[in-house]
Amino acid sequence: MVTLNAEMTMQAEQSPALARIIHQADLVIPDGAGIVLYLKLHGKTVSRCPGIELAEALLKESTQQTQPWPVFFFGGSPGVAEEAAQRLQTRLPHLNIVGVQNGYLDAAGTEGFLEHLRSLSPAIIYVGLGVPRQEHWIAEHRHVVPDAIWIGVGGSFDIWAERKQRAPGWLRNNNLEWVYRLYQEPWRWKRMLALPHFAWRSILAKFKQ
């Protein structure tokens, strides 16, 4: 599953490999307001579905099964995925998190980790390595557990671990979550330039059509 936003779309325009990954995904979710705008301009009405909310919904769904689905967290700085798992386990007592692994692995460590992942065979695997690294990683390694749901969750582990906070509800409801993220991480300003660029390109594409 790919949670698509304007920034990733602009990256994919410059990266044929990333574009291929998006097109080959089993499910692409409109994560960003820019994607919703583009589709609306082309006559398709959809609702935005933030990736972190989709990920949380999947976790809740996993606990509703007769045998809760096994879940694995991969990515983030050392200790973050563990803390996220502990806090989520408190909120969802029936959550079946079978393992966690931070995103700092060398080649040798990766090989052992993949064997461990294969032996656990989770039903849901969350990969938090940031865009587009996590999408490339999933595309390269999803064959290890081919029947699992694989989804890139970006910085969700940091939110669940309460290392960072999501934007207030009024910003999220007005499609301004990116403003709060820029406030938290001002070094991202160059990457944020993709947002107005994408909006302008979307409008031009409509008129050209």
C-alpha atoms as a PDB file:
ATOM      1  CA  MET A   1       0.000   0.000   0.000  1.00  0.00           C
ATOM      2  CA  VAL A   2       1.233   3.477  -0.914  1.00  0.00           C
ATOM      3  CA  THR A   3      -0.015   6.627   0.825  1.00  0.00           C
ATOM      4  CA  LEU A   4       0.398   9.215  -1.904  1.00  0.00           C
ATOM      5  CA  ASN A   5       0.870  12.940  -1.422  1.00  0.00           C
ATOM      6  CA  ALA A   6       2.041  15.830  -3.579  1.00  0.00           C
ATOM      7  CA  GLU A   7       5.646  15.618  -2.431  1.00  0.00           C
ATOM      8  CA  MET A   8       5.934  11.948  -3.350  1.00  0.00           C
ATOM      9  CA  THR A   9       4.270  12.601  -6.703  1.00  0.00           C
ATOM     10  CA  MET A  10       6.807  15.288  -7.588  1.00  0.00           C
ATOM     11  CA  GLN A  11       9.636  12.963  -6.522  1.00  0.00           C
ATOM     12  CA  ALA A  12       8.188  10.243  -8.748  1.00  0.00           C
ATOM     13  CA  GLU A  13       8.246  12.608 -11.710  1.00  0.00           C
ATOM     14  CA  GLN A  14      12.033  12.724 -11.355  1.00  0.00           C
ATOM     15  CA  SER A  15      12.417   9.043 -10.416  1.00  0.00           C
ATOM     16  CA  PRO A  16      11.084   6.414 -12.830  1.00  0.00           C
ATOM     17  CA  ALA A  17      11.819   3.737 -10.207  1.00  0.00           C
ATOM     18  CA  LEU A  18       9.569   5.423  -7.627  1.00  0.00           C
ATOM     19  CA  ALA A  19       6.883   6.019 -10.262  1.00  0.00           C
ATOM     20  CA  ARG A  20       6.956   2.295 -11.073  1.00  0.00           C
ATOM     21  CA  ILE A  21       6.571   1.384  -7.403  1.00  0.00           C
ATOM     22  CA  ILE A  22       3.514   3.628  -7.078  1.00  0.00           C
ATOM     23  CA  HIS A  23       1.887   2.242 -10.223  1.00  0.00           C
ATOM     24  CA  GLN A  24       2.577  -1.347  -9.175  1.00  0.00           C
ATOM     25  CA  ALA A  25       1.183  -0.957  -5.635  1.00  0.00           C
ATOM     26  CA  ASP A  26      -1.907  -2.997  -4.825  1.00  0.00           C
ATOM     27  CA  LEU A  27      -3.583   0.047  -3.279  1.00  0.00           C
ATOM     28  CA  VAL A  28      -2.777   3.769  -3.477  1.00  0.00           C
ATOM     29  CA  ILE A  29      -4.346   6.015  -0.834  1.00  0.00           C
ATOM     30  CA  PRO A  30      -4.843   9.810  -1.275  1.00  0.00           C
ATOM     31  CA  ASP A  31      -2.845  10.938   1.745  1.00  0.00           C
ATOM     32  CA  GLY A  32      -2.350  14.577   0.770  1.00  0.00           C
ATOM     33  CA  ALA A  33      -4.778  17.413   0.060  1.00  0.00           C
ATOM     34  CA  GLY A  34      -2.954  18.037  -3.216  1.00  0.00           C
ATOM     35  CA  ILE A  35      -3.916  14.598  -4.511  1.00  0.00           C
ATOM     36  CA  VAL A  36      -7.545  15.205  -3.542  1.00  0.00           C
ATOM     37  CA  LEU A  37      -7.429  18.562  -5.396  1.00  0.00           C
ATOM     38  CA  TYR A  38      -5.945  16.993  -8.510  1.00  0.00           C
ATOM     39  CA  LEU A  39      -8.589  14.258  -8.615  1.00  0.00           C
ATOM     40  CA  LYS A  40     -11.371  16.794  -8.014  1.00  0.00           C
ATOM     41  CA  LEU A  41     -10.142  18.889 -10.935  1.00  0.00           C
ATOM     42  CA  HIS A  42     -10.406  15.758 -13.057  1.00  0.00           C
ATOM     43  CA  GLY A  43     -13.923  14.885 -11.949  1.00  0.00           C
ATOM     44  CA  LYS A  44     -13.147  12.336  -9.243  1.00  0.00           C
ATOM     45  CA  THR A  45     -14.296  13.093  -5.711  1.00  0.00           C
ATOM     46  CA  VAL A  46     -12.384  11.299  -2.949  1.00  0.00           C
ATOM     47  CA  SER A  47     -11.694  11.986   0.704  1.00  0.00           C
ATOM     48  CA  ARG A  48      -8.209  12.463   2.083  1.00  0.00           C
ATOM     49  CA  CYS A  49      -7.005   9.535   4.174  1.00  0.00           C
ATOM     50  CA  PRO A  50      -3.881  10.414   6.191  1.00  0.00           C
ATOM     51  CA  GLY A  51      -1.475   7.477   6.276  1.00  0.00           C
ATOM     52  CA  ILE A  52      -1.189   7.488  10.063  1.00  0.00           C
ATOM     53  CA  GLU A  53      -4.978   7.231  10.413  1.00  0.00           C
ATOM     54  CA  LEU A  54      -5.102   4.370   7.921  1.00  0.00           C
ATOM     55  CA  ALA A  55      -2.318   2.606   9.827  1.00  0.00           C
ATOM     56  CA  GLU A  56      -4.163   3.018  13.132  1.00  0.00           C
ATOM     57  CA  ALA A  57      -7.405   1.749  11.576  1.00  0.00           C
ATOM     58  CA  LEU A  58      -5.585  -1.361  10.369  1.00  0.00           C
ATOM     59  CA  LEU A  59      -4.200  -1.974  13.844  1.00  0.00           C
ATOM     60  CA  LYS A  60      -7.674  -1.734  15.343  1.00  0.00           C
ATOM     61  CA  GLU A  61      -9.020  -4.066  12.665  1.00  0.00           C
ATOM     62  CA  SER A  62      -6.262  -6.553  13.433  1.00  0.00           C
ATOM     63  CA  THR A  63      -7.481  -6.836  17.029  1.00  0.00           C
ATOM     64  CA  GLN A  64     -11.048  -7.655  15.952  1.00  0.00           C
ATOM     65  CA  GLN A  65     -10.099 -11.038  14.505  1.00  0.00           C
ATOM     66  CA  THR A  66     -10.608 -14.341  16.313  1.00  0.00           C
ATOM     67  CA  GLN A  67      -6.828 -14.637  16.252  1.00  0.00           C
ATOM     68  CA  PRO A  68      -5.421 -11.081  16.209  1.00  0.00           C
ATOM     69  CA  TRP A  69      -3.224 -10.556  13.176  1.00  0.00           C
ATOM     70  CA  PRO A  70       0.524 -10.465  13.907  1.00  0.00           C
ATOM     71  CA  VAL A  71       2.052  -7.036  13.298  1.00  0.00           C
ATOM     72  CA  PHE A  72       5.696  -5.961  12.855  1.00  0.00           C
ATOM     73  CA  PHE A  73       7.223  -2.473  13.163  1.00  0.00           C
ATOM     74  CA  PHE A  74      10.393  -1.699  11.201  1.00  0.00           C
ATOM     75  CA  GLY A  75      12.115   1.675  11.084  1.00  0.00           C
ATOM     76  CA  GLY A  76      12.754   4.791  13.097  1.00  0.00           C
ATOM     77  CA  SER A  77      15.612   5.639  15.419  1.00  0.00           C
ATOM     78  CA  PRO A  78      16.734   3.101  18.060  1.00  0.00           C
ATOM     79  CA  GLY A  79      14.112   2.737  20.750  1.00  0.00           C
ATOM     80  CA  VAL A  80      11.328   4.592  18.936  1.00  0.00           C
ATOM     81  CA  ALA A  81       9.514   1.573  17.445  1.00  0.00           C
ATOM     82  CA  GLU A  82       9.709  -0.207  20.808  1.00  0.00           C
ATOM     83  CA  GLU A  83       8.199   2.771  22.616  1.00  0.00           C
ATOM     84  CA  ALA A  84       5.503   3.138  19.954  1.00  0.00           C
ATOM     85  CA  ALA A  85       4.625  -0.539  20.324  1.00  0.00           C
ATOM     86  CA  GLN A  86       4.379  -0.251  24.111  1.00  0.00           C
ATOM     87  CA  ARG A  87       2.085   2.772  23.986  1.00  0.00           C
ATOM     88  CA  LEU A  88      -0.141   1.231  21.327  1.00  0.00           C
ATOM     89  CA  GLN A  89      -0.309  -2.003  23.315  1.00  0.00           C
ATOM     90  CA  THR A  90      -1.687  -0.005  26.243  1.00  0.00           C
ATOM     91  CA  ARG A  91      -4.369   1.535  24.042  1.00  0.00           C
ATOM     92  CA  LEU A  92      -5.172  -1.739  22.251  1.00  0.00           C
ATOM     93  CA  PRO A  93      -4.620  -4.604  24.719  1.00  0.00           C
ATOM     94  CA  HIS A  94      -5.341  -7.293  22.116  1.00  0.00           C
ATOM     95  CA  LEU A  95      -2.814  -5.903  19.654  1.00  0.00           C
ATOM     96  CA  ASN A  96      -0.430  -8.665  18.541  1.00  0.00           C
ATOM     97  CA  ILE A  97       2.905  -6.964  17.850  1.00  0.00           C
ATOM     98  CA  VAL A  98       5.308  -9.828  17.203  1.00  0.00           C
ATOM     99  CA  GLY A  99       8.451  -7.762  16.773  1.00  0.00           C
ATOM    100  CA  VAL A 100      10.131  -4.402  16.224  1.00  0.00           C
ATOM    101  CA  GLN A 101      13.378  -3.365  14.568  1.00  0.00           C
ATOM    102  CA  ASN A 102      14.903   0.085  14.200  1.00  0.00           C
ATOM    103  CA  GLY A 103      15.903   1.326  10.768  1.00  0.00           C
ATOM    104  CA  TYR A 104      19.663   1.336  11.384  1.00  0.00           C
ATOM    105  CA  LEU A 105      20.845  -1.885   9.769  1.00  0.00           C
ATOM    106  CA  ASP A 106      23.973  -2.669   7.773  1.00  0.00           C
ATOM    107  CA  ALA A 107      24.036  -5.277   4.986  1.00  0.00           C
ATOM    108  CA  ALA A 108      24.846  -8.141   7.359  1.00  0.00           C
ATOM    109  CA  GLY A 109      22.180  -7.076   9.827  1.00  0.00           C
ATOM    110  CA  THR A 110      19.610  -6.759   7.058  1.00  0.00           C
ATOM    111  CA  GLU A 111      20.156 -10.333   5.929  1.00  0.00           C
ATOM    112  CA  GLY A 112      19.550 -11.708   9.427  1.00  0.00           C
ATOM    113  CA  PHE A 113      16.594  -9.401   9.935  1.00  0.00           C
ATOM    114  CA  LEU A 114      14.907 -10.604   6.752  1.00  0.00           C
ATOM    115  CA  GLU A 115      15.287 -14.228   7.839  1.00  0.00           C
ATOM    116  CA  HIS A 116      13.743 -13.321  11.191  1.00  0.00           C
ATOM    117  CA  LEU A 117      10.877 -11.520   9.451  1.00  0.00           C
ATOM    118  CA  ARG A 118      10.269 -14.522   7.220  1.00  0.00           C
ATOM    119  CA  SER A 119      10.107 -16.850  10.223  1.00  0.00           C
ATOM    120  CA  LEU A 120       7.590 -14.596  12.008  1.00  0.00           C
ATOM    121  CA  SER A 121       5.451 -14.151   8.865  1.00  0.00           C
ATOM    122  CA  PRO A 122       3.492 -11.108  10.110  1.00  0.00           C
ATOM    123  CA  ALA A 123       0.163 -10.220   8.535  1.00  0.00           C
ATOM    124  CA  ILE A 124       0.926  -6.474   8.648  1.00  0.00           C
ATOM    125  CA  ILE A 125       4.377  -4.898   8.283  1.00  0.00           C
ATOM    126  CA  TYR A 126       4.819  -1.165   8.914  1.00  0.00           C
ATOM    127  CA  VAL A 127       7.984   0.358   7.464  1.00  0.00           C
ATOM    128  CA  GLY A 128       8.981   3.779   8.775  1.00  0.00           C
ATOM    129  CA  LEU A 129      12.051   4.817   6.808  1.00  0.00           C
ATOM    130  CA  GLY A 130      10.731   8.015   5.246  1.00  0.00           C
ATOM    131  CA  VAL A 131       9.751   8.685   1.638  1.00  0.00           C
ATOM    132  CA  PRO A 132      10.982   7.403  -0.785  1.00  0.00           C
ATOM    133  CA  ARG A 133      13.387   5.074   1.030  1.00  0.00           C
ATOM    134  CA  GLN A 134      10.599   3.045   2.627  1.00  0.00           C
ATOM    135  CA  GLU A 135       8.798   2.550  -0.698  1.00  0.00           C
ATOM    136  CA  HIS A 136      11.984   1.290  -2.350  1.00  0.00           C
ATOM    137  CA  TRP A 137      12.700  -0.979   0.626  1.00  0.00           C
ATOM    138  CA  ILE A 138       9.239  -2.517   0.511  1.00  0.00           C
ATOM    139  CA  ALA A 139       9.392  -3.067  -3.247  1.00  0.00           C
ATOM    140  CA  GLU A 140      12.749  -4.812  -2.865  1.00  0.00           C
ATOM    141  CA  HIS A 141      11.850  -7.022   0.093  1.00  0.00           C
ATOM    142  CA  ARG A 142       8.111  -7.689   0.054  1.00  0.00           C
ATOM    143  CA  HIS A 143       8.776 -11.123  -1.450  1.00  0.00           C
ATOM    144  CA  VAL A 144      10.091 -12.160   1.993  1.00  0.00           C
ATOM    145  CA  VAL A 145       6.506 -12.223   3.337  1.00  0.00           C
ATOM    146  CA  PRO A 146       4.456 -12.033   0.135  1.00  0.00           C
ATOM    147  CA  ASP A 147       1.025 -12.382   1.754  1.00  0.00           C
ATOM    148  CA  ALA A 148       1.529  -9.560   4.260  1.00  0.00           C
ATOM    149  CA  ILE A 149       0.128  -6.048   4.059  1.00  0.00           C
ATOM    150  CA  TRP A 150       3.176  -3.799   3.618  1.00  0.00           C
ATOM    151  CA  ILE A 151       2.763  -0.072   4.135  1.00  0.00           C
ATOM    152  CA  GLY A 152       5.203   2.816   4.542  1.00  0.00           C
ATOM    153  CA  VAL A 153       4.284   4.852   7.609  1.00  0.00           C
ATOM    154  CA  GLY A 154       6.882   7.636   7.510  1.00  0.00           C
ATOM    155  CA  GLY A 155       7.205   9.251  10.924  1.00  0.00           C
ATOM    156  CA  SER A 156       4.199   7.512  12.500  1.00  0.00           C
ATOM    157  CA  PHE A 157       6.386   5.669  15.013  1.00  0.00           C
ATOM    158  CA  ASP A 158       7.556   9.029  16.375  1.00  0.00           C
ATOM    159  CA  ILE A 159       3.935  10.137  16.812  1.00  0.00           C
ATOM    160  CA  TRP A 160       2.847   6.892  18.479  1.00  0.00           C
ATOM    161  CA  ALA A 161       5.897   7.011  20.744  1.00  0.00           C
ATOM    162  CA  GLU A 162       4.951  10.612  21.596  1.00  0.00           C
ATOM    163  CA  ARG A 163       8.361  11.855  20.501  1.00  0.00           C
ATOM    164  CA  LYS A 164       6.486  14.219  18.143  1.00  0.00           C
ATOM    165  CA  GLN A 165       2.926  15.494  17.918  1.00  0.00           C
ATOM    166  CA  ARG A 166       0.479  15.698  15.040  1.00  0.00           C
ATOM    167  CA  ALA A 167      -0.966  19.060  14.060  1.00  0.00           C
ATOM    168  CA  PRO A 168      -4.025  20.260  16.007  1.00  0.00           C
ATOM    169  CA  GLY A 169      -7.348  19.066  14.643  1.00  0.00           C
ATOM    170  CA  TRP A 170      -8.347  22.438  13.172  1.00  0.00           C
ATOM    171  CA  LEU A 171      -5.204  22.465  11.015  1.00  0.00           C
ATOM    172  CA  ARG A 172      -5.764  18.880   9.883  1.00  0.00           C
ATOM    173  CA  ASN A 173      -9.409  19.589   9.069  1.00  0.00           C
ATOM    174  CA  ASN A 174      -8.394  22.525   6.875  1.00  0.00           C
ATOM    175  CA  ASN A 175      -5.669  20.618   5.002  1.00  0.00           C
ATOM    176  CA  LEU A 176      -2.926  22.618   6.726  1.00  0.00           C
ATOM    177  CA  GLU A 177      -1.135  19.829   8.551  1.00  0.00           C
ATOM    178  CA  TRP A 178       1.930  20.583   6.423  1.00  0.00           C
ATOM    179  CA  VAL A 179       2.199  24.021   8.100  1.00  0.00           C
ATOM    180  CA  TYR A 180       2.575  22.424  11.522  1.00  0.00           C
ATOM    181  CA  ARG A 181       5.071  19.923  10.167  1.00  0.00           C
ATOM    182  CA  LEU A 182       7.128  22.760   8.722  1.00  0.00           C
ATOM    183  CA  TYR A 183       6.985  24.475  12.120  1.00  0.00           C
ATOM    184  CA  GLN A 184       8.315  21.302  13.785  1.00  0.00           C
ATOM    185  CA  GLU A 185      10.910  20.583  11.093  1.00  0.00           C
ATOM    186  CA  PRO A 186      11.908  23.887   9.424  1.00  0.00           C
ATOM    187  CA  TRP A 187      14.760  22.136   7.606  1.00  0.00           C
ATOM    188  CA  ARG A 188      12.073  20.582   5.348  1.00  0.00           C
ATOM    189  CA  TRP A 189      11.258  23.918   3.691  1.00  0.00           C
ATOM    190  CA  LYS A 190      12.917  23.037   0.380  1.00  0.00           C
ATOM    191  CA  ARG A 191      10.949  19.808   0.175  1.00  0.00           C
ATOM    192  CA  MET A 192       7.743  21.702   0.972  1.00  0.00           C
ATOM    193  CA  LEU A 193       8.194  23.746  -2.203  1.00  0.00           C
ATOM    194  CA  ALA A 194       6.828  20.702  -3.998  1.00  0.00           C
ATOM    195  CA  LEU A 195       3.335  21.525  -2.624  1.00  0.00           C
ATOM    196  CA  PRO A 196       2.654  24.813  -4.491  1.00  0.00           C
ATOM    197  CA  HIS A 197       4.486  23.410  -7.513  1.00  0.00           C
ATOM    198  CA  PHE A 198       2.176  20.407  -7.572  1.00  0.00           C
ATOM    199  CA  ALA A 199      -0.951  22.564  -7.116  1.00  0.00           C
ATOM    200  CA  TRP A 200       0.086  24.821 -10.020  1.00  0.00           C
ATOM    201  CA  ARG A 201       0.858  21.809 -12.223  1.00  0.00           C
ATOM    202  CA  SER A 202      -2.535  20.311 -11.364  1.00  0.00           C
ATOM    203  CA  ILE A 203      -4.370  23.466 -12.445  1.00  0.00           C
ATOM    204  CA  LEU A 204      -2.359  23.702 -15.672  1.00  0.00           C
ATOM    205  CA  ALA A 205      -3.086  20.050 -16.440  1.00  0.00           C
ATOM    206  CA  LYS A 206      -6.809  20.717 -16.070  1.00  0.00           C
ATOM    207  CA  PHE A 207      -6.750  23.622 -18.513  1.00  0.00           C
ATOM    208  CA  LYS A 208      -4.621  21.703 -20.989  1.00  0.00           C
ATOM    209  CA  GLN A 209      -7.122  18.873 -20.849  1.00  0.00           C
END
